[in-house]
């Protein structure tokens, strides 16, 4: 028990340090922006299609926003276990479709929305590039609690991303960055890639 308490305290301390450093970097970039004009929407509601769910984004300042997603991640698991004994053969093979609920929070800084506007490019519904602090929490797959993923539990990552919304309301998003997963009781903490592509519609402001 004492060793588990020490391990948990170390992880919490490391997480706080990681969050503080990333947040200060975002604040520094925000304070040094050349222009302070606000082009962000005050709020956006979106429906995600590839990862079924909903998203809500709300502006916090001229260039920053907080984005919240509640989605289902779709994937497959494949089992290939062959146990051969003298008296019987037990073949356990097959694949399962996984539906994994997750929640994601992002503190975004849109660093080129003013530049895009000055060049008469599309900035509708926050169509610009951003850097962000990304925090996600993955639950166990629905109906398959034994499956263990490297993304289970809490993951924190600094990411780069872009968002584009077109006249039809179709919304595209892409984001990527190095992440750190804090582990669960089934496995240890480790670094993981954070890559995500979203397709959906803006349904309201």
C-alpha atoms as a PDB file:
ATOM      1  CA  UNK A   1       0.000   0.000   0.000  1.00  0.00           C
ATOM      2  CA  UNK A   2       2.707   2.633   0.845  1.00  0.00           C
ATOM      3  CA  UNK A   3       4.424   1.996  -2.494  1.00  0.00           C
ATOM      4  CA  UNK A   4       1.124   2.521  -4.341  1.00  0.00           C
ATOM      5  CA  UNK A   5       0.549   5.825  -2.518  1.00  0.00           C
ATOM      6  CA  UNK A   6       4.069   7.001  -3.419  1.00  0.00           C
ATOM      7  CA  UNK A   7       3.538   5.964  -7.057  1.00  0.00           C
ATOM      8  CA  UNK A   8       0.213   7.830  -7.231  1.00  0.00           C
ATOM      9  CA  UNK A   9       1.727  10.942  -5.640  1.00  0.00           C
ATOM     10  CA  UNK A  10       4.567  10.898  -8.165  1.00  0.00           C
ATOM     11  CA  UNK A  11       2.130  10.627 -11.097  1.00  0.00           C
ATOM     12  CA  UNK A  12      -0.035  13.490  -9.819  1.00  0.00           C
ATOM     13  CA  UNK A  13       3.016  15.705  -9.299  1.00  0.00           C
ATOM     14  CA  UNK A  14       4.297  14.902 -12.791  1.00  0.00           C
ATOM     15  CA  UNK A  15       0.872  15.592 -14.327  1.00  0.00           C
ATOM     16  CA  UNK A  16       0.618  19.004 -12.600  1.00  0.00           C
ATOM     17  CA  UNK A  17       4.072  19.960 -13.878  1.00  0.00           C
ATOM     18  CA  UNK A  18       3.149  18.917 -17.423  1.00  0.00           C
ATOM     19  CA  UNK A  19      -0.111  20.881 -17.361  1.00  0.00           C
ATOM     20  CA  UNK A  20       1.563  24.001 -15.913  1.00  0.00           C
ATOM     21  CA  UNK A  21       4.358  24.088 -18.513  1.00  0.00           C
ATOM     22  CA  UNK A  22       1.976  23.601 -21.450  1.00  0.00           C
ATOM     23  CA  UNK A  23      -0.481  26.194 -20.127  1.00  0.00           C
ATOM     24  CA  UNK A  24       2.287  28.794 -19.664  1.00  0.00           C
ATOM     25  CA  UNK A  25       3.498  28.218 -23.221  1.00  0.00           C
ATOM     26  CA  UNK A  26      -0.008  28.773 -24.564  1.00  0.00           C
ATOM     27  CA  UNK A  27      -0.428  31.936 -22.509  1.00  0.00           C
ATOM     28  CA  UNK A  28       2.946  33.257 -23.717  1.00  0.00           C
ATOM     29  CA  UNK A  29       1.992  32.733 -27.362  1.00  0.00           C
ATOM     30  CA  UNK A  30      -1.378  34.351 -26.768  1.00  0.00           C
ATOM     31  CA  UNK A  31       0.097  37.447 -25.108  1.00  0.00           C
ATOM     32  CA  UNK A  32       2.570  37.920 -27.950  1.00  0.00           C
ATOM     33  CA  UNK A  33       0.040  37.782 -30.761  1.00  0.00           C
ATOM     34  CA  UNK A  34       0.461  40.680 -33.178  1.00  0.00           C
ATOM     35  CA  UNK A  35      -3.228  41.524 -33.452  1.00  0.00           C
ATOM     36  CA  UNK A  36      -5.982  41.375 -30.873  1.00  0.00           C
ATOM     37  CA  UNK A  37      -9.020  41.393 -33.190  1.00  0.00           C
ATOM     38  CA  UNK A  38     -11.509  38.666 -32.411  1.00  0.00           C
ATOM     39  CA  UNK A  39     -12.792  36.502 -35.257  1.00  0.00           C
ATOM     40  CA  UNK A  40     -13.863  33.477 -33.203  1.00  0.00           C
ATOM     41  CA  UNK A  41     -17.497  32.473 -32.865  1.00  0.00           C
ATOM     42  CA  UNK A  42     -18.803  32.892 -29.335  1.00  0.00           C
ATOM     43  CA  UNK A  43     -20.045  29.283 -29.380  1.00  0.00           C
ATOM     44  CA  UNK A  44     -20.426  26.321 -31.757  1.00  0.00           C
ATOM     45  CA  UNK A  45     -22.414  23.081 -31.593  1.00  0.00           C
ATOM     46  CA  UNK A  46     -21.273  20.198 -33.814  1.00  0.00           C
ATOM     47  CA  UNK A  47     -22.326  16.618 -34.545  1.00  0.00           C
ATOM     48  CA  UNK A  48     -19.464  14.211 -35.213  1.00  0.00           C
ATOM     49  CA  UNK A  49     -19.996  11.423 -37.754  1.00  0.00           C
ATOM     50  CA  UNK A  50     -16.811   9.297 -37.899  1.00  0.00           C
ATOM     51  CA  UNK A  51     -16.688   9.099 -34.116  1.00  0.00           C
ATOM     52  CA  UNK A  52     -20.418   9.454 -33.347  1.00  0.00           C
ATOM     53  CA  UNK A  53     -21.035  12.137 -30.768  1.00  0.00           C
ATOM     54  CA  UNK A  54     -21.430  15.833 -30.047  1.00  0.00           C
ATOM     55  CA  UNK A  55     -19.017  18.722 -29.612  1.00  0.00           C
ATOM     56  CA  UNK A  56     -19.311  22.188 -28.107  1.00  0.00           C
ATOM     57  CA  UNK A  57     -16.740  24.964 -28.527  1.00  0.00           C
ATOM     58  CA  UNK A  58     -16.869  28.291 -26.690  1.00  0.00           C
ATOM     59  CA  UNK A  59     -14.544  31.258 -27.138  1.00  0.00           C
ATOM     60  CA  UNK A  60     -12.616  32.444 -24.074  1.00  0.00           C
ATOM     61  CA  UNK A  61     -10.760  35.429 -25.539  1.00  0.00           C
ATOM     62  CA  UNK A  62      -9.755  36.941 -28.894  1.00  0.00           C
ATOM     63  CA  UNK A  63      -7.826  33.858 -30.030  1.00  0.00           C
ATOM     64  CA  UNK A  64      -8.615  31.114 -27.521  1.00  0.00           C
ATOM     65  CA  UNK A  65     -11.474  28.694 -26.976  1.00  0.00           C
ATOM     66  CA  UNK A  66     -12.459  25.640 -24.942  1.00  0.00           C
ATOM     67  CA  UNK A  67     -13.689  22.637 -26.937  1.00  0.00           C
ATOM     68  CA  UNK A  68     -15.540  19.695 -25.357  1.00  0.00           C
ATOM     69  CA  UNK A  69     -16.292  16.396 -27.139  1.00  0.00           C
ATOM     70  CA  UNK A  70     -18.341  13.412 -25.995  1.00  0.00           C
ATOM     71  CA  UNK A  71     -17.972  10.616 -28.557  1.00  0.00           C
ATOM     72  CA  UNK A  72     -17.811   6.914 -29.322  1.00  0.00           C
ATOM     73  CA  UNK A  73     -14.532   5.654 -30.759  1.00  0.00           C
ATOM     74  CA  UNK A  74     -15.027   2.774 -33.222  1.00  0.00           C
ATOM     75  CA  UNK A  75     -12.428   0.032 -33.653  1.00  0.00           C
ATOM     76  CA  UNK A  76     -11.696  -3.673 -33.966  1.00  0.00           C
ATOM     77  CA  UNK A  77      -9.943  -6.190 -31.760  1.00  0.00           C
ATOM     78  CA  UNK A  78      -8.634  -9.477 -33.174  1.00  0.00           C
ATOM     79  CA  UNK A  79      -8.053 -12.649 -31.204  1.00  0.00           C
ATOM     80  CA  UNK A  80      -5.846 -15.472 -32.450  1.00  0.00           C
ATOM     81  CA  UNK A  81      -5.369 -18.006 -29.644  1.00  0.00           C
ATOM     82  CA  UNK A  82      -4.711 -21.614 -30.604  1.00  0.00           C
ATOM     83  CA  UNK A  83      -4.404 -24.151 -27.758  1.00  0.00           C
ATOM     84  CA  UNK A  84      -3.605 -27.693 -28.892  1.00  0.00           C
ATOM     85  CA  UNK A  85      -3.783 -30.515 -26.337  1.00  0.00           C
ATOM     86  CA  UNK A  86      -3.459 -34.269 -26.716  1.00  0.00           C
ATOM     87  CA  UNK A  87      -7.144 -34.885 -26.172  1.00  0.00           C
ATOM     88  CA  UNK A  88      -8.776 -31.738 -27.564  1.00  0.00           C
ATOM     89  CA  UNK A  89      -8.245 -28.720 -29.772  1.00  0.00           C
ATOM     90  CA  UNK A  90      -9.468 -25.338 -28.605  1.00  0.00           C
ATOM     91  CA  UNK A  91      -9.345 -22.626 -31.255  1.00  0.00           C
ATOM     92  CA  UNK A  92     -10.390 -19.185 -30.092  1.00  0.00           C
ATOM     93  CA  UNK A  93     -10.140 -16.819 -33.042  1.00  0.00           C
ATOM     94  CA  UNK A  94     -12.206 -13.934 -34.315  1.00  0.00           C
ATOM     95  CA  UNK A  95     -12.661 -10.179 -34.312  1.00  0.00           C
ATOM     96  CA  UNK A  96     -14.860  -7.850 -32.294  1.00  0.00           C
ATOM     97  CA  UNK A  97     -16.245  -4.416 -33.133  1.00  0.00           C
ATOM     98  CA  UNK A  98     -15.484  -2.061 -30.255  1.00  0.00           C
ATOM     99  CA  UNK A  99     -17.485   0.996 -29.180  1.00  0.00           C
ATOM    100  CA  UNK A 100     -15.434   3.008 -26.696  1.00  0.00           C
ATOM    101  CA  UNK A 101     -16.930   6.121 -25.033  1.00  0.00           C
ATOM    102  CA  UNK A 102     -14.529   8.981 -24.392  1.00  0.00           C
ATOM    103  CA  UNK A 103     -14.568  12.628 -23.383  1.00  0.00           C
ATOM    104  CA  UNK A 104     -12.062  15.182 -24.656  1.00  0.00           C
ATOM    105  CA  UNK A 105     -11.260  18.738 -23.540  1.00  0.00           C
ATOM    106  CA  UNK A 106      -9.063  21.138 -25.513  1.00  0.00           C
ATOM    107  CA  UNK A 107      -7.793  24.592 -24.663  1.00  0.00           C
ATOM    108  CA  UNK A 108      -7.151  25.996 -28.154  1.00  0.00           C
ATOM    109  CA  UNK A 109      -5.126  28.946 -29.386  1.00  0.00           C
ATOM    110  CA  UNK A 110      -5.944  29.883 -33.016  1.00  0.00           C
ATOM    111  CA  UNK A 111      -2.695  31.388 -34.219  1.00  0.00           C
ATOM    112  CA  UNK A 112      -3.500  32.231 -37.852  1.00  0.00           C
ATOM    113  CA  UNK A 113      -7.174  33.172 -38.011  1.00  0.00           C
ATOM    114  CA  UNK A 114      -6.372  36.885 -38.400  1.00  0.00           C
ATOM    115  CA  UNK A 115      -3.851  36.160 -41.153  1.00  0.00           C
ATOM    116  CA  UNK A 116      -6.416  34.032 -42.993  1.00  0.00           C
ATOM    117  CA  UNK A 117      -8.962  36.840 -42.741  1.00  0.00           C
ATOM    118  CA  UNK A 118      -6.487  39.411 -44.111  1.00  0.00           C
ATOM    119  CA  UNK A 119      -5.975  37.141 -47.143  1.00  0.00           C
ATOM    120  CA  UNK A 120      -9.756  36.759 -47.582  1.00  0.00           C
ATOM    121  CA  UNK A 121      -9.644  33.064 -46.769  1.00  0.00           C
ATOM    122  CA  UNK A 122     -12.491  31.213 -45.110  1.00  0.00           C
ATOM    123  CA  UNK A 123     -12.644  31.754 -41.318  1.00  0.00           C
ATOM    124  CA  UNK A 124     -16.291  30.724 -40.914  1.00  0.00           C
ATOM    125  CA  UNK A 125     -17.001  28.926 -37.640  1.00  0.00           C
ATOM    126  CA  UNK A 126     -13.367  29.111 -36.479  1.00  0.00           C
ATOM    127  CA  UNK A 127     -11.830  27.817 -39.720  1.00  0.00           C
ATOM    128  CA  UNK A 128      -8.157  28.167 -38.840  1.00  0.00           C
ATOM    129  CA  UNK A 129      -5.106  26.375 -37.444  1.00  0.00           C
ATOM    130  CA  UNK A 130      -4.474  26.032 -33.722  1.00  0.00           C
ATOM    131  CA  UNK A 131      -2.247  24.637 -31.021  1.00  0.00           C
ATOM    132  CA  UNK A 132      -3.900  23.180 -27.958  1.00  0.00           C
ATOM    133  CA  UNK A 133      -3.596  21.381 -24.667  1.00  0.00           C
ATOM    134  CA  UNK A 134      -5.568  18.156 -25.178  1.00  0.00           C
ATOM    135  CA  UNK A 135      -6.929  16.055 -22.299  1.00  0.00           C
ATOM    136  CA  UNK A 136      -8.919  12.881 -22.957  1.00  0.00           C
ATOM    137  CA  UNK A 137     -10.382  10.070 -20.878  1.00  0.00           C
ATOM    138  CA  UNK A 138     -11.285   6.737 -22.480  1.00  0.00           C
ATOM    139  CA  UNK A 139     -13.686   4.346 -20.775  1.00  0.00           C
ATOM    140  CA  UNK A 140     -13.826   0.586 -21.325  1.00  0.00           C
ATOM    141  CA  UNK A 141     -15.475  -0.584 -24.581  1.00  0.00           C
ATOM    142  CA  UNK A 142     -19.218  -1.199 -24.349  1.00  0.00           C
ATOM    143  CA  UNK A 143     -19.875  -4.932 -23.989  1.00  0.00           C
ATOM    144  CA  UNK A 144     -16.167  -5.862 -23.882  1.00  0.00           C
ATOM    145  CA  UNK A 145     -14.734  -4.859 -20.516  1.00  0.00           C
ATOM    146  CA  UNK A 146     -11.762  -7.236 -20.862  1.00  0.00           C
ATOM    147  CA  UNK A 147     -10.203  -5.362 -23.777  1.00  0.00           C
ATOM    148  CA  UNK A 148      -7.213  -3.226 -22.743  1.00  0.00           C
ATOM    149  CA  UNK A 149      -6.063  -0.292 -24.889  1.00  0.00           C
ATOM    150  CA  UNK A 150      -3.024   1.986 -24.607  1.00  0.00           C
ATOM    151  CA  UNK A 151      -5.500   4.896 -24.528  1.00  0.00           C
ATOM    152  CA  UNK A 152      -7.556   3.647 -21.559  1.00  0.00           C
ATOM    153  CA  UNK A 153      -7.817   6.200 -18.774  1.00  0.00           C
ATOM    154  CA  UNK A 154      -6.366   9.704 -18.851  1.00  0.00           C
ATOM    155  CA  UNK A 155      -4.116  11.036 -21.641  1.00  0.00           C
ATOM    156  CA  UNK A 156      -2.592  14.510 -21.844  1.00  0.00           C
ATOM    157  CA  UNK A 157      -0.988  15.957 -24.984  1.00  0.00           C
ATOM    158  CA  UNK A 158       0.134  19.225 -26.591  1.00  0.00           C
ATOM    159  CA  UNK A 159      -1.213  19.113 -30.143  1.00  0.00           C
ATOM    160  CA  UNK A 160      -1.312  20.967 -33.438  1.00  0.00           C
ATOM    161  CA  UNK A 161      -4.573  21.003 -35.347  1.00  0.00           C
ATOM    162  CA  UNK A 162      -6.754  22.611 -37.964  1.00  0.00           C
ATOM    163  CA  UNK A 163     -10.481  23.105 -38.440  1.00  0.00           C
ATOM    164  CA  UNK A 164     -12.437  23.984 -41.568  1.00  0.00           C
ATOM    165  CA  UNK A 165     -16.171  24.651 -41.944  1.00  0.00           C
ATOM    166  CA  UNK A 166     -17.744  25.049 -45.365  1.00  0.00           C
ATOM    167  CA  UNK A 167     -20.911  26.775 -46.604  1.00  0.00           C
ATOM    168  CA  UNK A 168     -22.831  23.501 -46.397  1.00  0.00           C
ATOM    169  CA  UNK A 169     -22.046  23.287 -42.686  1.00  0.00           C
ATOM    170  CA  UNK A 170     -19.675  20.344 -43.114  1.00  0.00           C
ATOM    171  CA  UNK A 171     -16.891  20.537 -40.549  1.00  0.00           C
ATOM    172  CA  UNK A 172     -13.467  18.886 -40.894  1.00  0.00           C
ATOM    173  CA  UNK A 173     -10.884  18.623 -38.141  1.00  0.00           C
ATOM    174  CA  UNK A 174      -7.377  17.198 -37.906  1.00  0.00           C
ATOM    175  CA  UNK A 175      -5.084  17.114 -34.872  1.00  0.00           C
ATOM    176  CA  UNK A 176      -1.879  15.367 -33.865  1.00  0.00           C
ATOM    177  CA  UNK A 177       0.739  15.466 -31.131  1.00  0.00           C
ATOM    178  CA  UNK A 178       2.773  13.462 -28.610  1.00  0.00           C
ATOM    179  CA  UNK A 179       0.717  12.266 -25.655  1.00  0.00           C
ATOM    180  CA  UNK A 180       1.338  10.746 -22.244  1.00  0.00           C
ATOM    181  CA  UNK A 181      -1.120   8.191 -20.879  1.00  0.00           C
ATOM    182  CA  UNK A 182      -1.083   7.892 -17.090  1.00  0.00           C
ATOM    183  CA  UNK A 183      -1.908   4.191 -17.086  1.00  0.00           C
ATOM    184  CA  UNK A 184      -4.492   2.069 -15.309  1.00  0.00           C
ATOM    185  CA  UNK A 185      -4.381  -0.817 -12.870  1.00  0.00           C
ATOM    186  CA  UNK A 186      -4.081  -3.178 -15.868  1.00  0.00           C
ATOM    187  CA  UNK A 187      -0.983  -1.564 -17.401  1.00  0.00           C
ATOM    188  CA  UNK A 188       1.745   0.998 -16.812  1.00  0.00           C
ATOM    189  CA  UNK A 189       1.886   4.601 -17.975  1.00  0.00           C
ATOM    190  CA  UNK A 190       3.518   5.318 -21.320  1.00  0.00           C
ATOM    191  CA  UNK A 191       3.911   7.823 -24.155  1.00  0.00           C
ATOM    192  CA  UNK A 192       1.343   7.438 -26.961  1.00  0.00           C
ATOM    193  CA  UNK A 193       0.680   9.214 -30.282  1.00  0.00           C
ATOM    194  CA  UNK A 194      -2.464  11.354 -30.331  1.00  0.00           C
ATOM    195  CA  UNK A 195      -3.940  11.529 -33.843  1.00  0.00           C
ATOM    196  CA  UNK A 196      -7.544  12.312 -34.654  1.00  0.00           C
ATOM    197  CA  UNK A 197      -9.611  13.168 -37.728  1.00  0.00           C
ATOM    198  CA  UNK A 198     -13.193  14.388 -37.390  1.00  0.00           C
ATOM    199  CA  UNK A 199     -16.023  14.828 -39.884  1.00  0.00           C
ATOM    200  CA  UNK A 200     -19.322  16.386 -38.939  1.00  0.00           C
ATOM    201  CA  UNK A 201     -21.776  19.270 -39.209  1.00  0.00           C
ATOM    202  CA  UNK A 202     -22.141  22.568 -37.423  1.00  0.00           C
ATOM    203  CA  UNK A 203     -25.739  22.605 -36.187  1.00  0.00           C
ATOM    204  CA  UNK A 204     -25.884  25.812 -34.151  1.00  0.00           C
ATOM    205  CA  UNK A 205     -24.146  28.740 -32.526  1.00  0.00           C
END
